[in-house]
């Protein structure tokens, strides 16, 4: 169990006066990340299911004694919802110090988002890409700030299929998930590259990605087989609390103040696939993502 649990975040850093957004924090590792960070500062839980999010927030408030755990509506499968979330947040909050792009879907039967994007790509990558774009200036104004993208070891099995990004020619839901997790790694890499040199000190703004581990959570709910296997082999899976440790580490660890564009697992640097280190693909994905979302992000 100790081996399966992996690394733990040992930082006791406080986030007094700071604001954190965590997407998909009503369950699983997102909820545990919110629980930890609520002991340190203000946390905004951004979720599609408001009822579940309110229940999670109420539980976290009661446990931590922190009343600054706030729920806001965000549906990453709908760019209209993402824009509405960002507009309301920017009107209500003058600062944002940490953005944790945690929410995700896995093994979905073929479907599309409200904007016609394949669901894995649309939610896991494009939704967070747009959200980050809309909140970036507020993050810059609040620096030092951090962006944390929850990716996966599954990125090793992914590739960016520019000729069929939305899986209309061929679709495999397992591979679609892998492709979207590779997109998370490439987005982090390119974002960090573009931010370099924009600040007097690099410590003022960082972006990193991570693999949380194999976690016993609701993420596999779309697959009966995976749900069955998860129950059988639950002893060999991380608990949501254990899975949240690297997210918390990337968000608060003092030793990462000037570390950016990296990929972590078990609270330490991890190996990135060759495709995840392809700068040309990262640049092209950035350009294509902007085109799909109808934004200009130079």
Foldseek 3Di string as FASTA:
>chain_A
DVVLLFAFAPDPAAQDPAEEEFEPCLWFLSLLLLLVNLLRYAYEYEYQDQVSQVVSQVVSCVVNVRPRYHYDYADLLDVVRLVVRLVVCVVPDQAHAEYEHDDAAALADFDHGPLRATRRQSRLPLSVVSNCVSCVVRNLVHWLHEYEREAAPLLQLEDCPVVQRRQPVHDDRRRNNNNSSLLSLLLQQVVLVVCPPVDPALLGYAYEYEHLFFELICNCVNDPVVPVVCVVVVVSHHYSNSSNRLVNLRGGPPVCSNPHSFYYYSSHGDDDHPNSVDNVVSVVSSVVSCVSVVHDDD
